Amino acid sequence: MTTKKFILCGTVGTLLGIALCPAAKAATVVYEGFGYTAGTDLGGQNGGTGFNGAWIDSAASGNKDKVQSGSLAYGSLQTAGNALLLVTPFTGLGLDRSFSTISGVDGTTTWISFLLKFDGSSGTLNAGDVGWLSVRPSDFGSSPQFGAFTNESDEVVFAIGDYGGGDPVFSATPFEADTTYLLVGSITWHTDPGQAEDISLFLNPTFGPAPGTPLVSRNDLDLVNDPGDNLLVKMSILADGGDSAWLVDEIRIGASFGDVTPVPEPSAVLLALAGGALLWSRRRRK
């Protein structure tokens, strides 16, 4: 065997060995990729993982919550299934779904991520348009809403709202139509009675280590149910505005930033490289 062939075989063997070794898996607690038949209503659908029941749509939805064919794409983020299309009536459109209880442990952080896009072909993004995802400890009370809100200057910007009716905390970053955004929220738990959680929103963070400075944050929401337990049990999606369409996809909840921002495992890339090297070797021998 020549030196070049020896080196090539050794390289291919190393790549295959690394690729076939077990890789750490993301421990996503809740996942919704909208893997339902395109064109169907989301209400009543019961797929995904980590949930306790089906999606429930509001009476105001008017069957305008539809599954759209194909996933939203953002960089190398892993995607599957389809996406959710929300065509808003003027009364707003809301969807709710319960998931397995996530207990808030003092000093730990719960991470939430999803993709959000405003479809500019449906109309112009105007003052009053909003689109957000909320995770909640109960049917009522304070809980964060991560998404796009209209500020006091009638600009649609990224913000963290309050499902309990409090004012949003706005960023200065505008939300643009026809752009797919990766929104990542974090909740750091403080379980002493009456102590609020640290809640942050990160916009289009880089994959890898947990991001540092958030786009916007707030620490005035105490996420507790009626008995006073710190936990999360359900999510809500809402879009509002006149004659507008929003797309939502790839909803994840996990215990780390990596859990909610999975990218293809190195094994897939290494297997492709190894296959290419073997093919090149065979061609060289002909």
C-alpha atoms as a PDB file:
ATOM      1  CA  MET A   1       0.000   0.000   0.000  1.00  0.00           C
ATOM      2  CA  THR A   2       1.369   3.398  -0.925  1.00  0.00           C
ATOM      3  CA  THR A   3       1.784   6.141   1.640  1.00  0.00           C
ATOM      4  CA  LYS A   4      -1.021   8.195   0.054  1.00  0.00           C
ATOM      5  CA  LYS A   5      -3.432   5.244   0.129  1.00  0.00           C
ATOM      6  CA  PHE A   6      -2.448   4.467   3.714  1.00  0.00           C
ATOM      7  CA  ILE A   7      -3.142   8.040   4.778  1.00  0.00           C
ATOM      8  CA  LEU A   8      -6.440   8.080   2.882  1.00  0.00           C
ATOM      9  CA  CYS A   9      -7.619   4.820   4.443  1.00  0.00           C
ATOM     10  CA  GLY A  10      -6.598   6.043   7.867  1.00  0.00           C
ATOM     11  CA  THR A  11      -8.497   9.298   7.353  1.00  0.00           C
ATOM     12  CA  VAL A  12     -11.625   7.504   6.162  1.00  0.00           C
ATOM     13  CA  GLY A  13     -11.415   5.104   9.091  1.00  0.00           C
ATOM     14  CA  THR A  14     -11.095   7.958  11.548  1.00  0.00           C
ATOM     15  CA  LEU A  15     -14.076   9.774  10.038  1.00  0.00           C
ATOM     16  CA  LEU A  16     -16.196   6.622  10.145  1.00  0.00           C
ATOM     17  CA  GLY A  17     -15.150   5.901  13.698  1.00  0.00           C
ATOM     18  CA  ILE A  18     -16.120   9.356  14.880  1.00  0.00           C
ATOM     19  CA  ALA A  19     -19.352   9.308  12.900  1.00  0.00           C
ATOM     20  CA  LEU A  20     -20.464   5.977  14.283  1.00  0.00           C
ATOM     21  CA  CYS A  21     -19.697   6.813  17.905  1.00  0.00           C
ATOM     22  CA  PRO A  22     -22.783   7.598  20.002  1.00  0.00           C
ATOM     23  CA  ALA A  23     -23.476  11.344  20.105  1.00  0.00           C
ATOM     24  CA  ALA A  24     -25.097  13.307  22.897  1.00  0.00           C
ATOM     25  CA  LYS A  25     -28.752  13.941  22.207  1.00  0.00           C
ATOM     26  CA  ALA A  26     -30.613  17.179  22.880  1.00  0.00           C
ATOM     27  CA  ALA A  27     -32.989  16.736  25.799  1.00  0.00           C
ATOM     28  CA  THR A  28     -35.873  18.713  24.359  1.00  0.00           C
ATOM     29  CA  VAL A  29     -38.804  18.451  26.779  1.00  0.00           C
ATOM     30  CA  VAL A  30     -41.484  19.797  24.419  1.00  0.00           C
ATOM     31  CA  TYR A  31     -41.376  19.884  20.625  1.00  0.00           C
ATOM     32  CA  GLU A  32     -43.910  20.886  17.970  1.00  0.00           C
ATOM     33  CA  GLY A  33     -42.880  20.742  14.308  1.00  0.00           C
ATOM     34  CA  PHE A  34     -46.446  20.824  12.921  1.00  0.00           C
ATOM     35  CA  GLY A  35     -46.102  17.480  11.178  1.00  0.00           C
ATOM     36  CA  TYR A  36     -49.732  17.399  10.129  1.00  0.00           C
ATOM     37  CA  THR A  37     -51.437  17.246   6.748  1.00  0.00           C
ATOM     38  CA  ALA A  38     -51.042  20.538   4.879  1.00  0.00           C
ATOM     39  CA  GLY A  39     -54.259  22.529   4.617  1.00  0.00           C
ATOM     40  CA  THR A  40     -55.855  21.126   7.774  1.00  0.00           C
ATOM     41  CA  ASP A  41     -56.843  23.178  10.822  1.00  0.00           C
ATOM     42  CA  LEU A  42     -54.450  23.053  13.769  1.00  0.00           C
ATOM     43  CA  GLY A  43     -57.297  22.840  16.287  1.00  0.00           C
ATOM     44  CA  GLY A  44     -57.661  19.246  17.460  1.00  0.00           C
ATOM     45  CA  GLN A  45     -54.231  18.130  16.231  1.00  0.00           C
ATOM     46  CA  ASN A  46     -52.302  16.063  18.761  1.00  0.00           C
ATOM     47  CA  GLY A  47     -48.772  15.454  17.424  1.00  0.00           C
ATOM     48  CA  GLY A  48     -45.410  16.585  18.672  1.00  0.00           C
ATOM     49  CA  THR A  49     -43.786  15.432  21.908  1.00  0.00           C
ATOM     50  CA  GLY A  50     -44.226  16.349  25.566  1.00  0.00           C
ATOM     51  CA  PHE A  51     -47.860  17.455  25.322  1.00  0.00           C
ATOM     52  CA  ASN A  52     -50.876  16.457  27.423  1.00  0.00           C
ATOM     53  CA  GLY A  53     -53.597  17.153  24.889  1.00  0.00           C
ATOM     54  CA  ALA A  54     -54.499  18.549  21.494  1.00  0.00           C
ATOM     55  CA  TRP A  55     -54.370  22.112  20.233  1.00  0.00           C
ATOM     56  CA  ILE A  56     -57.416  24.200  21.117  1.00  0.00           C
ATOM     57  CA  ASP A  57     -58.278  27.176  18.921  1.00  0.00           C
ATOM     58  CA  SER A  58     -60.251  30.205  20.043  1.00  0.00           C
ATOM     59  CA  ALA A  59     -63.784  30.909  18.935  1.00  0.00           C
ATOM     60  CA  ALA A  60     -62.443  33.953  17.086  1.00  0.00           C
ATOM     61  CA  SER A  61     -60.120  31.886  14.908  1.00  0.00           C
ATOM     62  CA  GLY A  62     -62.756  31.205  12.251  1.00  0.00           C
ATOM     63  CA  ASN A  63     -60.791  28.166  11.031  1.00  0.00           C
ATOM     64  CA  LYS A  64     -57.939  30.399   9.903  1.00  0.00           C
ATOM     65  CA  ASP A  65     -55.238  28.446  11.695  1.00  0.00           C
ATOM     66  CA  LYS A  66     -53.929  26.193   8.928  1.00  0.00           C
ATOM     67  CA  VAL A  67     -51.000  23.832   8.506  1.00  0.00           C
ATOM     68  CA  GLN A  68     -48.825  25.077   5.668  1.00  0.00           C
ATOM     69  CA  SER A  69     -46.696  22.732   3.597  1.00  0.00           C
ATOM     70  CA  GLY A  70     -42.974  22.856   4.326  1.00  0.00           C
ATOM     71  CA  SER A  71     -40.967  24.009   7.319  1.00  0.00           C
ATOM     72  CA  LEU A  72     -39.576  27.464   7.898  1.00  0.00           C
ATOM     73  CA  ALA A  73     -35.793  27.449   7.526  1.00  0.00           C
ATOM     74  CA  TYR A  74     -33.199  29.190   9.659  1.00  0.00           C
ATOM     75  CA  GLY A  75     -29.527  28.442   9.095  1.00  0.00           C
ATOM     76  CA  SER A  76     -28.616  24.884  10.086  1.00  0.00           C
ATOM     77  CA  LEU A  77     -31.419  24.561  12.642  1.00  0.00           C
ATOM     78  CA  GLN A  78     -32.956  21.095  12.506  1.00  0.00           C
ATOM     79  CA  THR A  79     -36.494  21.181  11.143  1.00  0.00           C
ATOM     80  CA  ALA A  80     -39.212  18.645  10.396  1.00  0.00           C
ATOM     81  CA  GLY A  81     -42.848  18.506   9.394  1.00  0.00           C
ATOM     82  CA  ASN A  82     -44.626  21.642   8.195  1.00  0.00           C
ATOM     83  CA  ALA A  83     -45.433  25.080   9.644  1.00  0.00           C
ATOM     84  CA  LEU A  84     -48.404  26.907  11.161  1.00  0.00           C
ATOM     85  CA  LEU A  85     -50.095  29.655   9.150  1.00  0.00           C
ATOM     86  CA  LEU A  86     -52.220  32.167  11.081  1.00  0.00           C
ATOM     87  CA  VAL A  87     -54.433  34.375   8.911  1.00  0.00           C
ATOM     88  CA  THR A  88     -55.766  36.918  11.358  1.00  0.00           C
ATOM     89  CA  PRO A  89     -59.293  38.251  11.594  1.00  0.00           C
ATOM     90  CA  PHE A  90     -59.596  41.638  13.266  1.00  0.00           C
ATOM     91  CA  THR A  91     -60.628  39.960  16.518  1.00  0.00           C
ATOM     92  CA  GLY A  92     -57.303  38.169  16.848  1.00  0.00           C
ATOM     93  CA  LEU A  93     -56.425  34.517  16.681  1.00  0.00           C
ATOM     94  CA  GLY A  94     -55.274  32.405  19.622  1.00  0.00           C
ATOM     95  CA  LEU A  95     -54.312  28.775  20.151  1.00  0.00           C
ATOM     96  CA  ASP A  96     -53.577  26.930  23.400  1.00  0.00           C
ATOM     97  CA  ARG A  97     -52.046  23.582  24.285  1.00  0.00           C
ATOM     98  CA  SER A  98     -51.090  21.913  27.572  1.00  0.00           C
ATOM     99  CA  PHE A  99     -47.809  20.087  28.068  1.00  0.00           C
ATOM    100  CA  SER A 100     -46.245  17.950  30.795  1.00  0.00           C
ATOM    101  CA  THR A 101     -45.465  20.026  33.875  1.00  0.00           C
ATOM    102  CA  ILE A 102     -42.069  21.734  33.890  1.00  0.00           C
ATOM    103  CA  SER A 103     -41.198  22.582  37.481  1.00  0.00           C
ATOM    104  CA  GLY A 104     -39.227  25.719  38.167  1.00  0.00           C
ATOM    105  CA  VAL A 105     -36.128  24.782  40.166  1.00  0.00           C
ATOM    106  CA  ASP A 106     -34.414  27.655  41.926  1.00  0.00           C
ATOM    107  CA  GLY A 107     -31.369  28.910  40.024  1.00  0.00           C
ATOM    108  CA  THR A 108     -31.987  26.814  36.902  1.00  0.00           C
ATOM    109  CA  THR A 109     -33.064  28.065  33.488  1.00  0.00           C
ATOM    110  CA  THR A 110     -35.805  26.885  31.152  1.00  0.00           C
ATOM    111  CA  TRP A 111     -35.255  27.662  27.462  1.00  0.00           C
ATOM    112  CA  ILE A 112     -37.879  28.228  24.757  1.00  0.00           C
ATOM    113  CA  SER A 113     -37.348  28.671  21.032  1.00  0.00           C
ATOM    114  CA  PHE A 114     -39.453  29.051  17.898  1.00  0.00           C
ATOM    115  CA  LEU A 115     -39.366  30.480  14.381  1.00  0.00           C
ATOM    116  CA  LEU A 116     -41.585  33.450  13.526  1.00  0.00           C
ATOM    117  CA  LYS A 117     -42.278  35.162  10.205  1.00  0.00           C
ATOM    118  CA  PHE A 118     -44.746  37.745   8.898  1.00  0.00           C
ATOM    119  CA  ASP A 119     -45.878  36.930   5.357  1.00  0.00           C
ATOM    120  CA  GLY A 120     -45.620  40.191   3.440  1.00  0.00           C
ATOM    121  CA  SER A 121     -47.621  38.807   0.526  1.00  0.00           C
ATOM    122  CA  SER A 122     -50.683  38.869   2.795  1.00  0.00           C
ATOM    123  CA  GLY A 123     -50.471  42.581   3.447  1.00  0.00           C
ATOM    124  CA  THR A 124     -48.340  45.259   5.057  1.00  0.00           C
ATOM    125  CA  LEU A 125     -47.008  45.035   8.584  1.00  0.00           C
ATOM    126  CA  ASN A 126     -48.877  47.838  10.344  1.00  0.00           C
ATOM    127  CA  ALA A 127     -49.351  49.371  13.766  1.00  0.00           C
ATOM    128  CA  GLY A 128     -51.478  47.054  15.856  1.00  0.00           C
ATOM    129  CA  ASP A 129     -50.059  43.859  14.360  1.00  0.00           C
ATOM    130  CA  VAL A 130     -48.719  41.426  16.965  1.00  0.00           C
ATOM    131  CA  GLY A 131     -47.491  37.852  16.932  1.00  0.00           C
ATOM    132  CA  TRP A 132     -46.187  35.950  19.938  1.00  0.00           C
ATOM    133  CA  LEU A 133     -45.707  32.675  21.808  1.00  0.00           C
ATOM    134  CA  SER A 134     -46.345  32.459  25.552  1.00  0.00           C
ATOM    135  CA  VAL A 135     -45.493  29.761  28.095  1.00  0.00           C
ATOM    136  CA  ARG A 136     -47.716  29.777  31.166  1.00  0.00           C
ATOM    137  CA  PRO A 137     -48.122  28.393  34.699  1.00  0.00           C
ATOM    138  CA  SER A 138     -51.927  28.421  34.544  1.00  0.00           C
ATOM    139  CA  ASP A 139     -54.903  29.749  32.593  1.00  0.00           C
ATOM    140  CA  PHE A 140     -54.558  33.159  34.227  1.00  0.00           C
ATOM    141  CA  GLY A 141     -51.913  35.421  35.686  1.00  0.00           C
ATOM    142  CA  SER A 142     -48.534  36.681  34.597  1.00  0.00           C
ATOM    143  CA  SER A 143     -46.513  34.825  31.983  1.00  0.00           C
ATOM    144  CA  PRO A 144     -44.075  35.945  29.293  1.00  0.00           C
ATOM    145  CA  GLN A 145     -45.056  36.505  25.674  1.00  0.00           C
ATOM    146  CA  PHE A 146     -42.071  36.353  23.306  1.00  0.00           C
ATOM    147  CA  GLY A 147     -42.538  38.001  19.936  1.00  0.00           C
ATOM    148  CA  ALA A 148     -43.524  41.129  18.026  1.00  0.00           C
ATOM    149  CA  PHE A 149     -45.587  43.955  19.530  1.00  0.00           C
ATOM    150  CA  THR A 150     -46.591  47.470  18.533  1.00  0.00           C
ATOM    151  CA  ASN A 151     -44.904  50.112  20.704  1.00  0.00           C
ATOM    152  CA  GLU A 152     -46.019  53.599  21.681  1.00  0.00           C
ATOM    153  CA  SER A 153     -44.660  54.995  18.409  1.00  0.00           C
ATOM    154  CA  ASP A 154     -46.791  52.562  16.369  1.00  0.00           C
ATOM    155  CA  GLU A 155     -43.708  50.561  15.388  1.00  0.00           C
ATOM    156  CA  VAL A 156     -43.748  46.766  15.375  1.00  0.00           C
ATOM    157  CA  VAL A 157     -40.701  45.684  17.392  1.00  0.00           C
ATOM    158  CA  PHE A 158     -39.465  42.679  19.345  1.00  0.00           C
ATOM    159  CA  ALA A 159     -40.615  42.599  22.948  1.00  0.00           C
ATOM    160  CA  ILE A 160     -41.521  40.485  25.956  1.00  0.00           C
ATOM    161  CA  GLY A 161     -45.179  40.939  26.775  1.00  0.00           C
ATOM    162  CA  ASP A 162     -47.205  39.834  29.789  1.00  0.00           C
ATOM    163  CA  TYR A 163     -50.114  37.441  29.327  1.00  0.00           C
ATOM    164  CA  GLY A 164     -51.487  38.785  32.601  1.00  0.00           C
ATOM    165  CA  GLY A 165     -52.134  42.182  31.013  1.00  0.00           C
ATOM    166  CA  GLY A 166     -49.044  44.115  32.014  1.00  0.00           C
ATOM    167  CA  ASP A 167     -47.209  46.349  29.564  1.00  0.00           C
ATOM    168  CA  PRO A 168     -44.663  44.777  27.207  1.00  0.00           C
ATOM    169  CA  VAL A 169     -40.977  45.538  27.622  1.00  0.00           C
ATOM    170  CA  PHE A 170     -39.937  46.710  24.171  1.00  0.00           C
ATOM    171  CA  SER A 171     -36.640  46.427  22.362  1.00  0.00           C
ATOM    172  CA  ALA A 172     -35.531  49.001  19.803  1.00  0.00           C
ATOM    173  CA  THR A 173     -35.226  46.361  17.080  1.00  0.00           C
ATOM    174  CA  PRO A 174     -37.894  46.464  14.367  1.00  0.00           C
ATOM    175  CA  PHE A 175     -39.688  43.335  13.194  1.00  0.00           C
ATOM    176  CA  GLU A 176     -39.471  43.117   9.398  1.00  0.00           C
ATOM    177  CA  ALA A 177     -41.872  41.341   7.053  1.00  0.00           C
ATOM    178  CA  ASP A 178     -40.744  38.348   4.961  1.00  0.00           C
ATOM    179  CA  THR A 179     -37.890  37.502   7.341  1.00  0.00           C
ATOM    180  CA  THR A 180     -37.688  34.267   9.324  1.00  0.00           C
ATOM    181  CA  TYR A 181     -36.503  34.959  12.863  1.00  0.00           C
ATOM    182  CA  LEU A 182     -35.233  32.554  15.498  1.00  0.00           C
ATOM    183  CA  LEU A 183     -36.527  33.710  18.864  1.00  0.00           C
ATOM    184  CA  VAL A 184     -35.064  32.138  21.993  1.00  0.00           C
ATOM    185  CA  GLY A 185     -36.484  32.912  25.408  1.00  0.00           C
ATOM    186  CA  SER A 186     -35.028  32.018  28.767  1.00  0.00           C
ATOM    187  CA  ILE A 187     -36.591  31.855  32.213  1.00  0.00           C
ATOM    188  CA  THR A 188     -34.235  31.707  35.200  1.00  0.00           C
ATOM    189  CA  TRP A 189     -36.236  30.572  38.202  1.00  0.00           C
ATOM    190  CA  HIS A 190     -36.361  32.216  41.642  1.00  0.00           C
ATOM    191  CA  THR A 191     -38.669  30.202  43.846  1.00  0.00           C
ATOM    192  CA  ASP A 192     -38.767  32.300  47.024  1.00  0.00           C
ATOM    193  CA  PRO A 193     -42.373  33.434  47.580  1.00  0.00           C
ATOM    194  CA  GLY A 194     -43.100  36.641  45.696  1.00  0.00           C
ATOM    195  CA  GLN A 195     -39.771  36.708  43.871  1.00  0.00           C
ATOM    196  CA  ALA A 196     -39.997  37.258  40.118  1.00  0.00           C
ATOM    197  CA  GLU A 197     -38.153  35.292  37.472  1.00  0.00           C
ATOM    198  CA  ASP A 198     -35.400  36.639  35.201  1.00  0.00           C
ATOM    199  CA  ILE A 199     -36.844  36.470  31.679  1.00  0.00           C
ATOM    200  CA  SER A 200     -34.853  37.228  28.514  1.00  0.00           C
ATOM    201  CA  LEU A 201     -35.342  37.214  24.764  1.00  0.00           C
ATOM    202  CA  PHE A 202     -32.482  36.497  22.363  1.00  0.00           C
ATOM    203  CA  LEU A 203     -32.859  37.221  18.652  1.00  0.00           C
ATOM    204  CA  ASN A 204     -31.117  35.041  16.045  1.00  0.00           C
ATOM    205  CA  PRO A 205     -28.461  33.797  18.478  1.00  0.00           C
ATOM    206  CA  THR A 206     -25.386  31.955  17.205  1.00  0.00           C
ATOM    207  CA  PHE A 207     -25.552  28.184  17.582  1.00  0.00           C
ATOM    208  CA  GLY A 208     -23.194  26.722  20.170  1.00  0.00           C
ATOM    209  CA  PRO A 209     -22.659  28.050  23.703  1.00  0.00           C
ATOM    210  CA  ALA A 210     -25.521  29.852  25.427  1.00  0.00           C
ATOM    211  CA  PRO A 211     -25.755  33.492  24.302  1.00  0.00           C
ATOM    212  CA  GLY A 212     -24.694  36.329  26.540  1.00  0.00           C
ATOM    213  CA  THR A 213     -26.466  39.686  26.339  1.00  0.00           C
ATOM    214  CA  PRO A 214     -30.185  39.405  25.497  1.00  0.00           C
ATOM    215  CA  LEU A 215     -32.070  41.668  23.127  1.00  0.00           C
ATOM    216  CA  VAL A 216     -34.526  42.516  25.895  1.00  0.00           C
ATOM    217  CA  SER A 217     -35.237  41.247  29.406  1.00  0.00           C
ATOM    218  CA  ARG A 218     -37.573  41.745  32.346  1.00  0.00           C
ATOM    219  CA  ASN A 219     -37.700  40.596  35.974  1.00  0.00           C
ATOM    220  CA  ASP A 220     -41.172  41.588  37.135  1.00  0.00           C
ATOM    221  CA  LEU A 221     -43.175  38.407  36.417  1.00  0.00           C
ATOM    222  CA  ASP A 222     -43.626  35.743  39.110  1.00  0.00           C
ATOM    223  CA  LEU A 223     -44.570  32.560  37.259  1.00  0.00           C
ATOM    224  CA  VAL A 224     -46.718  30.678  39.759  1.00  0.00           C
ATOM    225  CA  ASN A 225     -50.027  28.825  39.677  1.00  0.00           C
ATOM    226  CA  ASP A 226     -52.842  29.391  42.162  1.00  0.00           C
ATOM    227  CA  PRO A 227     -51.268  27.312  44.979  1.00  0.00           C
ATOM    228  CA  GLY A 228     -48.060  29.290  44.483  1.00  0.00           C
ATOM    229  CA  ASP A 229     -45.920  26.695  42.702  1.00  0.00           C
ATOM    230  CA  ASN A 230     -43.320  27.792  40.158  1.00  0.00           C
ATOM    231  CA  LEU A 231     -43.987  25.830  36.995  1.00  0.00           C
ATOM    232  CA  LEU A 232     -45.069  25.839  33.353  1.00  0.00           C
ATOM    233  CA  VAL A 233     -47.978  23.750  32.039  1.00  0.00           C
ATOM    234  CA  LYS A 234     -49.177  25.227  28.758  1.00  0.00           C
ATOM    235  CA  MET A 235     -48.366  27.425  25.774  1.00  0.00           C
ATOM    236  CA  SER A 236     -50.366  29.927  23.768  1.00  0.00           C
ATOM    237  CA  ILE A 237     -49.859  31.364  20.293  1.00  0.00           C
ATOM    238  CA  LEU A 238     -51.557  34.562  19.228  1.00  0.00           C
ATOM    239  CA  ALA A 239     -51.545  36.711  16.125  1.00  0.00           C
ATOM    240  CA  ASP A 240     -53.570  39.881  15.772  1.00  0.00           C
ATOM    241  CA  GLY A 241     -54.085  42.620  13.247  1.00  0.00           C
ATOM    242  CA  GLY A 242     -56.116  43.151  10.126  1.00  0.00           C
ATOM    243  CA  ASP A 243     -55.738  40.953   7.060  1.00  0.00           C
ATOM    244  CA  SER A 244     -52.281  39.682   7.948  1.00  0.00           C
ATOM    245  CA  ALA A 245     -50.620  36.278   7.943  1.00  0.00           C
ATOM    246  CA  TRP A 246     -48.036  34.949  10.385  1.00  0.00           C
ATOM    247  CA  LEU A 247     -45.996  31.760  10.228  1.00  0.00           C
ATOM    248  CA  VAL A 248     -44.830  29.875  13.327  1.00  0.00           C
ATOM    249  CA  ASP A 249     -42.654  26.766  13.392  1.00  0.00           C
ATOM    250  CA  GLU A 250     -40.218  24.587  15.352  1.00  0.00           C
ATOM    251  CA  ILE A 251     -41.405  25.234  18.913  1.00  0.00           C
ATOM    252  CA  ARG A 252     -39.074  23.760  21.527  1.00  0.00           C
ATOM    253  CA  ILE A 253     -38.756  23.843  25.315  1.00  0.00           C
ATOM    254  CA  GLY A 254     -35.695  22.405  27.062  1.00  0.00           C
ATOM    255  CA  ALA A 255     -33.279  22.676  29.945  1.00  0.00           C
ATOM    256  CA  SER A 256     -30.399  24.181  27.961  1.00  0.00           C
ATOM    257  CA  PHE A 257     -29.761  26.462  25.017  1.00  0.00           C
ATOM    258  CA  GLY A 258     -28.507  23.483  23.016  1.00  0.00           C
ATOM    259  CA  ASP A 259     -31.745  21.602  23.696  1.00  0.00           C
ATOM    260  CA  VAL A 260     -33.766  24.232  21.845  1.00  0.00           C
ATOM    261  CA  THR A 261     -31.307  25.026  19.042  1.00  0.00           C
ATOM    262  CA  PRO A 262     -30.361  21.589  17.656  1.00  0.00           C
ATOM    263  CA  VAL A 263     -28.249  21.432  14.511  1.00  0.00           C
ATOM    264  CA  PRO A 264     -27.279  18.341  12.463  1.00  0.00           C
ATOM    265  CA  GLU A 265     -24.986  16.022  14.410  1.00  0.00           C
ATOM    266  CA  PRO A 266     -21.339  15.842  13.277  1.00  0.00           C
ATOM    267  CA  SER A 267     -21.844  12.175  12.393  1.00  0.00           C
ATOM    268  CA  ALA A 268     -23.990  13.072   9.377  1.00  0.00           C
ATOM    269  CA  VAL A 269     -21.352  15.447   8.026  1.00  0.00           C
ATOM    270  CA  LEU A 270     -18.505  13.037   8.744  1.00  0.00           C
ATOM    271  CA  LEU A 271     -20.278  10.151   7.031  1.00  0.00           C
ATOM    272  CA  ALA A 272     -20.737  12.320   3.955  1.00  0.00           C
ATOM    273  CA  LEU A 273     -17.034  13.227   3.995  1.00  0.00           C
ATOM    274  CA  ALA A 274     -16.023   9.606   4.447  1.00  0.00           C
ATOM    275  CA  GLY A 275     -18.250   8.540   1.567  1.00  0.00           C
ATOM    276  CA  GLY A 276     -16.780  11.228  -0.646  1.00  0.00           C
ATOM    277  CA  ALA A 277     -13.234  10.141   0.241  1.00  0.00           C
ATOM    278  CA  LEU A 278     -14.008   6.497  -0.590  1.00  0.00           C
ATOM    279  CA  LEU A 279     -15.561   7.498  -3.909  1.00  0.00           C
ATOM    280  CA  TRP A 280     -12.508   9.579  -4.766  1.00  0.00           C
ATOM    281  CA  SER A 281     -10.233   6.644  -3.853  1.00  0.00           C
ATOM    282  CA  ARG A 282     -12.115   4.249  -6.142  1.00  0.00           C
ATOM    283  CA  ARG A 283     -11.973   6.690  -9.031  1.00  0.00           C
ATOM    284  CA  ARG A 284      -8.232   7.109  -8.543  1.00  0.00           C
ATOM    285  CA  ARG A 285      -7.721   3.334  -8.830  1.00  0.00           C
ATOM    286  CA  LYS A 286      -9.502   3.153 -12.201  1.00  0.00           C
END
